[in-house]
Amino acid sequence: AYTLKIPVAHIHGGEITEGALDEGFRHAITKLSYLHFTATASYRRRVIQMGEDPSRVFNVGALALDAIREMELLPKGELQKLLNFEFGEKNILVTFHPETFSADYGISRLKTLLKVLEELEDIRVIFTKANADPGGREINRLLEEFVRKHPHRMRLFSSLGQKLYFSVMRFVDAVVGNSSSGIVEAPFFKIGTINIGLRQRGRIKPESVIDVSGSYEEIKRAFETLYSPSFQRRLKNIKNPYGDGRASFRIREILE
């Protein structure tokens, strides 16, 4: 497209994810693009700092929030039947992807998380498998083994798809792991996030995110913070820096 002089419109430029290969690809695509639709004002400034014309850089918000706003999510009863999973008093959604810049892909951090979850016997857990990045197969193998040991309170899914994933987020207390969904989408549902390790380092994070490096003590303490009355009160007033769920309308207007 660049060599043929076909304009490229880039969505989600200017973001930083120091623990993932996306970091390099994203900035390279920015330099090959003509129009830029960023998710926050800070990301817009970064794209402009990279030398892009400010008149072609627009802060529109994150598209994922548009999907949530427009989607008819499933009620709890129907969701439980589809997943063969019964929600308890405490529930979390765990998504852990490889840290593609780490020597062991972040697997040591995952093992520590699983150790903590094994001890937190009052929490029910829905896991989704890792993406196709290097290291993903080993992560999935560990998850399969772990969930087999705890079938009474845990389920593992290769992929829930957007509708099921967002429906689950409605009925859990937090997203745990290192997925961007804990940073961008979770605040929409007024739930917490325990963000582990380096994969999302550099992203703008709302106050609903608890960052931990991945040690046993830190992860254990993060769960204590998550379920503390003061943190739960704070979640009710969380503002999402990634917009209001109308990014697609703004993008369309600008393209027109």
Protein backbone atom coordinates (compact mmCIF):
# COMPACT_ATOMS: atom_id res chain seq x y z
CA ALA A 1 0.00 0.00 0.00
CA TYR A 2 2.81 2.41 0.89
CA THR A 3 4.74 1.90 -2.37
CA LEU A 4 1.52 2.13 -4.42
CA LYS A 5 0.61 5.40 -2.61
CA ILE A 6 -2.58 3.90 -1.17
CA PRO A 7 -3.30 5.70 2.11
CA VAL A 8 -3.23 3.48 5.21
CA ALA A 9 -5.35 4.34 8.25
CA HIS A 10 -3.73 2.96 11.40
CA ILE A 11 -5.77 2.20 14.54
CA HIS A 12 -4.17 2.07 18.03
CA GLY A 13 -0.86 3.66 17.11
CA GLY A 14 1.39 5.36 19.65
CA GLU A 15 0.93 2.70 22.32
CA ILE A 16 3.77 1.03 24.20
CA THR A 17 3.94 -2.66 25.13
CA GLU A 18 7.53 -3.20 26.19
CA GLY A 19 7.07 -6.91 26.84
CA ALA A 20 5.74 -7.86 23.40
CA LEU A 21 6.97 -7.89 19.82
CA ASP A 22 3.94 -5.74 18.91
CA GLU A 23 5.99 -2.79 20.15
CA GLY A 24 8.23 -2.79 17.07
CA PHE A 25 5.52 -3.66 14.56
CA ARG A 26 3.18 -0.95 15.85
CA HIS A 27 5.69 1.90 15.51
CA ALA A 28 6.81 0.65 12.07
CA ILE A 29 3.20 0.63 10.85
CA THR A 30 2.77 4.17 12.19
CA LYS A 31 5.55 5.38 9.90
CA LEU A 32 3.94 3.65 6.90
CA SER A 33 0.48 5.12 7.59
CA TYR A 34 -1.22 8.32 6.48
CA LEU A 35 -4.15 8.59 8.91
CA HIS A 36 -3.85 7.75 12.59
CA PHE A 37 -6.70 6.85 14.96
CA THR A 38 -5.34 6.63 18.51
CA ALA A 39 -7.05 5.34 21.65
CA THR A 40 -6.02 8.14 24.06
CA ALA A 41 -4.80 11.73 23.91
CA SER A 42 -1.39 10.65 25.21
CA TYR A 43 -0.99 8.15 22.36
CA ARG A 44 -1.93 10.88 19.88
CA ARG A 45 0.89 13.03 21.24
CA ARG A 46 3.35 10.14 20.85
CA VAL A 47 2.40 9.61 17.18
CA ILE A 48 2.94 13.33 16.57
CA GLN A 49 6.32 13.11 18.35
CA MET A 50 7.25 10.39 15.83
CA GLY A 51 6.97 13.04 13.13
CA GLU A 52 3.40 12.55 11.89
CA ASP A 53 1.34 15.56 10.78
CA PRO A 54 -0.98 16.57 13.69
CA SER A 55 -3.80 17.30 11.21
CA ARG A 56 -3.87 13.58 10.33
CA VAL A 57 -3.72 12.21 13.90
CA PHE A 58 -7.06 11.78 15.72
CA ASN A 59 -7.84 10.60 19.24
CA VAL A 60 -11.00 8.52 18.81
CA GLY A 61 -10.86 6.02 21.71
CA ALA A 62 -10.62 2.22 21.67
CA LEU A 63 -12.77 0.23 19.22
CA ALA A 64 -13.25 -2.64 21.69
CA LEU A 65 -15.53 -0.42 23.78
CA ASP A 66 -17.78 0.11 20.75
CA ALA A 67 -18.26 -3.65 20.53
CA ILE A 68 -19.24 -3.89 24.20
CA ARG A 69 -21.66 -0.97 23.97
CA GLU A 70 -23.46 -2.37 20.93
CA MET A 71 -23.44 -6.06 21.86
CA GLU A 72 -26.32 -7.84 23.59
CA LEU A 73 -24.51 -9.74 26.32
CA LEU A 74 -25.74 -13.03 27.75
CA PRO A 75 -27.56 -13.30 31.09
CA LYS A 76 -25.85 -15.28 33.85
CA GLY A 77 -28.09 -18.35 33.66
CA GLU A 78 -27.63 -18.84 29.93
CA LEU A 79 -23.91 -18.15 30.20
CA GLN A 80 -23.45 -20.76 32.94
CA LYS A 81 -25.17 -23.41 30.84
CA LEU A 82 -23.09 -22.63 27.75
CA LEU A 83 -19.83 -22.73 29.68
CA ASN A 84 -20.78 -25.57 32.02
CA PHE A 85 -19.51 -23.33 34.80
CA GLU A 86 -21.27 -22.10 37.92
CA PHE A 87 -20.26 -18.68 39.20
CA GLY A 88 -19.50 -18.50 42.91
CA GLU A 89 -19.22 -15.66 45.38
CA LYS A 90 -15.75 -14.81 44.01
CA ASN A 91 -14.85 -15.26 40.32
CA ILE A 92 -12.00 -14.22 38.04
CA LEU A 93 -11.15 -14.43 34.35
CA VAL A 94 -7.51 -15.34 33.61
CA THR A 95 -5.83 -14.64 30.27
CA PHE A 96 -2.06 -15.03 30.11
CA HIS A 97 -0.12 -14.53 26.88
CA PRO A 98 3.63 -15.04 26.28
CA GLU A 99 6.02 -12.22 27.13
CA THR A 100 7.78 -12.39 23.79
CA PHE A 101 10.78 -10.37 24.99
CA SER A 102 11.37 -12.48 28.13
CA ALA A 103 13.83 -15.37 28.09
CA ASP A 104 11.21 -17.86 29.34
CA TYR A 105 8.20 -16.08 27.74
CA GLY A 106 6.89 -15.21 31.21
CA ILE A 107 6.21 -18.87 32.06
CA SER A 108 7.82 -18.57 35.51
CA ARG A 109 5.34 -15.80 36.35
CA LEU A 110 2.46 -17.97 35.19
CA LYS A 111 3.62 -20.82 37.42
CA THR A 112 3.67 -18.45 40.38
CA LEU A 113 0.16 -17.24 39.57
CA LEU A 114 -1.09 -20.84 39.40
CA LYS A 115 0.48 -21.55 42.80
CA VAL A 116 -1.42 -18.62 44.30
CA LEU A 117 -4.69 -19.65 42.64
CA GLU A 118 -4.32 -23.16 44.01
CA GLU A 119 -4.24 -21.70 47.51
CA LEU A 120 -7.21 -19.35 46.98
CA GLU A 121 -9.79 -22.11 47.24
CA ASP A 122 -12.78 -19.75 47.49
CA ILE A 123 -12.21 -18.27 44.00
CA ARG A 124 -13.69 -19.79 40.84
CA VAL A 125 -11.64 -19.33 37.68
CA ILE A 126 -12.28 -19.21 33.95
CA PHE A 127 -9.07 -19.49 31.90
CA THR A 128 -8.64 -18.70 28.23
CA LYS A 129 -5.66 -20.11 26.34
CA ALA A 130 -2.69 -18.08 25.14
CA ASN A 131 -2.40 -16.56 21.67
CA ALA A 132 -0.12 -17.87 18.90
CA ASP A 133 3.01 -16.01 20.02
CA PRO A 134 6.16 -18.09 20.70
CA GLY A 135 5.77 -19.76 24.09
CA GLY A 136 2.01 -20.07 23.81
CA ARG A 137 1.98 -23.85 23.50
CA GLU A 138 3.87 -24.31 26.77
CA ILE A 139 1.52 -21.91 28.55
CA ASN A 140 -1.49 -23.83 27.24
CA ARG A 141 0.01 -27.15 28.36
CA LEU A 142 0.49 -25.80 31.90
CA LEU A 143 -3.07 -24.49 31.97
CA GLU A 144 -4.51 -27.81 30.79
CA GLU A 145 -2.64 -29.73 33.49
CA PHE A 146 -3.64 -27.25 36.19
CA VAL A 147 -7.35 -27.14 35.35
CA ARG A 148 -7.51 -30.96 35.25
CA LYS A 149 -6.47 -30.93 38.91
CA HIS A 150 -9.24 -28.49 39.88
CA PRO A 151 -12.31 -29.37 37.78
CA HIS A 152 -14.77 -28.39 40.52
CA ARG A 153 -13.95 -24.65 40.36
CA MET A 154 -12.03 -24.04 37.12
CA ARG A 155 -12.66 -24.16 33.36
CA LEU A 156 -10.30 -23.67 30.41
CA PHE A 157 -11.36 -22.50 26.96
CA SER A 158 -9.28 -22.23 23.79
CA SER A 159 -11.16 -19.05 22.94
CA LEU A 160 -14.46 -17.66 24.17
CA GLY A 161 -15.01 -15.33 21.24
CA GLN A 162 -15.99 -11.72 21.77
CA LYS A 163 -19.58 -12.15 22.95
CA LEU A 164 -18.86 -14.88 25.51
CA TYR A 165 -15.68 -13.15 26.69
CA PHE A 166 -17.45 -9.86 27.36
CA SER A 167 -20.41 -11.67 28.90
CA VAL A 168 -18.05 -13.40 31.34
CA MET A 169 -16.45 -10.06 32.22
CA ARG A 170 -19.85 -8.88 33.43
CA PHE A 171 -19.92 -11.52 36.17
CA VAL A 172 -16.32 -11.70 37.40
CA ASP A 173 -14.47 -9.59 39.95
CA ALA A 174 -11.33 -9.12 37.89
CA VAL A 175 -9.32 -9.92 34.80
CA VAL A 176 -6.01 -11.50 35.84
CA GLY A 177 -2.92 -12.12 33.70
CA ASN A 178 -1.34 -9.88 31.07
CA SER A 179 -3.99 -9.28 28.42
CA SER A 180 -4.78 -5.79 27.16
CA SER A 181 -8.44 -6.60 27.87
CA GLY A 182 -7.70 -6.03 31.56
CA ILE A 183 -6.55 -2.52 30.73
CA VAL A 184 -8.92 -1.40 27.96
CA GLU A 185 -12.18 -3.32 28.45
CA ALA A 186 -12.28 -4.28 32.15
CA PRO A 187 -12.78 -0.67 33.37
CA PHE A 188 -15.95 -0.49 31.25
CA PHE A 189 -17.44 -3.16 33.52
CA LYS A 190 -16.17 -1.47 36.72
CA ILE A 191 -14.07 -4.52 37.63
CA GLY A 192 -10.46 -4.78 38.74
CA THR A 193 -7.39 -6.06 36.94
CA ILE A 194 -4.29 -7.80 38.26
CA ASN A 195 -1.72 -7.17 35.54
CA ILE A 196 1.30 -9.47 35.84
CA GLY A 197 4.74 -8.98 34.36
CA LEU A 198 6.10 -7.02 31.42
CA ARG A 199 3.80 -7.65 28.47
CA GLN A 200 1.68 -4.51 28.99
CA ARG A 201 4.42 -2.33 30.49
CA GLY A 202 4.19 1.16 29.02
CA ARG A 203 0.44 1.20 28.38
CA ILE A 204 -1.69 3.89 29.99
CA LYS A 205 -3.58 2.18 32.80
CA PRO A 206 -6.69 3.25 34.73
CA GLU A 207 -6.75 3.09 38.54
CA SER A 208 -8.57 -0.25 38.39
CA VAL A 209 -5.30 -1.95 37.38
CA ILE A 210 -3.02 -3.48 40.03
CA ASP A 211 0.46 -3.92 38.52
CA VAL A 212 2.71 -6.67 39.87
CA SER A 213 6.07 -7.95 38.65
CA GLY A 214 5.11 -11.57 39.28
CA SER A 215 6.54 -12.65 42.64
CA TYR A 216 4.48 -14.88 44.91
CA GLU A 217 4.20 -12.19 47.61
CA GLU A 218 3.12 -9.50 45.13
CA ILE A 219 0.43 -11.63 43.48
CA LYS A 220 -0.93 -12.76 46.85
CA ARG A 221 -1.04 -9.16 48.05
CA ALA A 222 -2.74 -8.07 44.81
CA PHE A 223 -5.65 -10.42 45.49
CA GLU A 224 -5.94 -9.01 49.01
CA THR A 225 -6.07 -5.51 47.54
CA LEU A 226 -8.58 -6.55 44.88
CA TYR A 227 -11.10 -7.80 47.44
CA SER A 228 -10.51 -5.03 49.98
CA PRO A 229 -13.55 -2.78 50.66
CA SER A 230 -11.61 0.39 49.78
CA PHE A 231 -10.56 -0.92 46.34
CA GLN A 232 -14.07 -2.20 45.59
CA ARG A 233 -15.47 1.25 46.43
CA ARG A 234 -12.92 2.89 44.14
CA LEU A 235 -13.98 0.70 41.21
CA LYS A 236 -17.45 2.26 41.18
CA ASN A 237 -16.01 5.63 40.12
CA ILE A 238 -13.34 4.44 37.69
CA LYS A 239 -12.96 6.54 34.53
CA ASN A 240 -11.80 4.70 31.44
CA PRO A 241 -9.05 6.64 29.61
CA TYR A 242 -9.84 4.64 26.44
CA GLY A 243 -13.01 6.51 25.59
CA ASP A 244 -16.77 6.17 25.55
CA GLY A 245 -17.45 3.42 23.01
CA ARG A 246 -18.01 5.70 20.02
CA ALA A 247 -14.63 5.32 18.27
CA SER A 248 -16.12 3.71 15.15
CA PHE A 249 -18.49 6.66 14.60
CA ARG A 250 -15.61 9.12 14.81
CA ILE A 251 -13.45 7.06 12.46
CA ARG A 252 -16.25 6.85 9.91
CA GLU A 253 -16.88 10.60 10.02
CA ILE A 254 -13.18 11.36 9.54
CA LEU A 255 -12.87 8.90 6.63
CA GLU A 256 -15.95 10.39 4.96
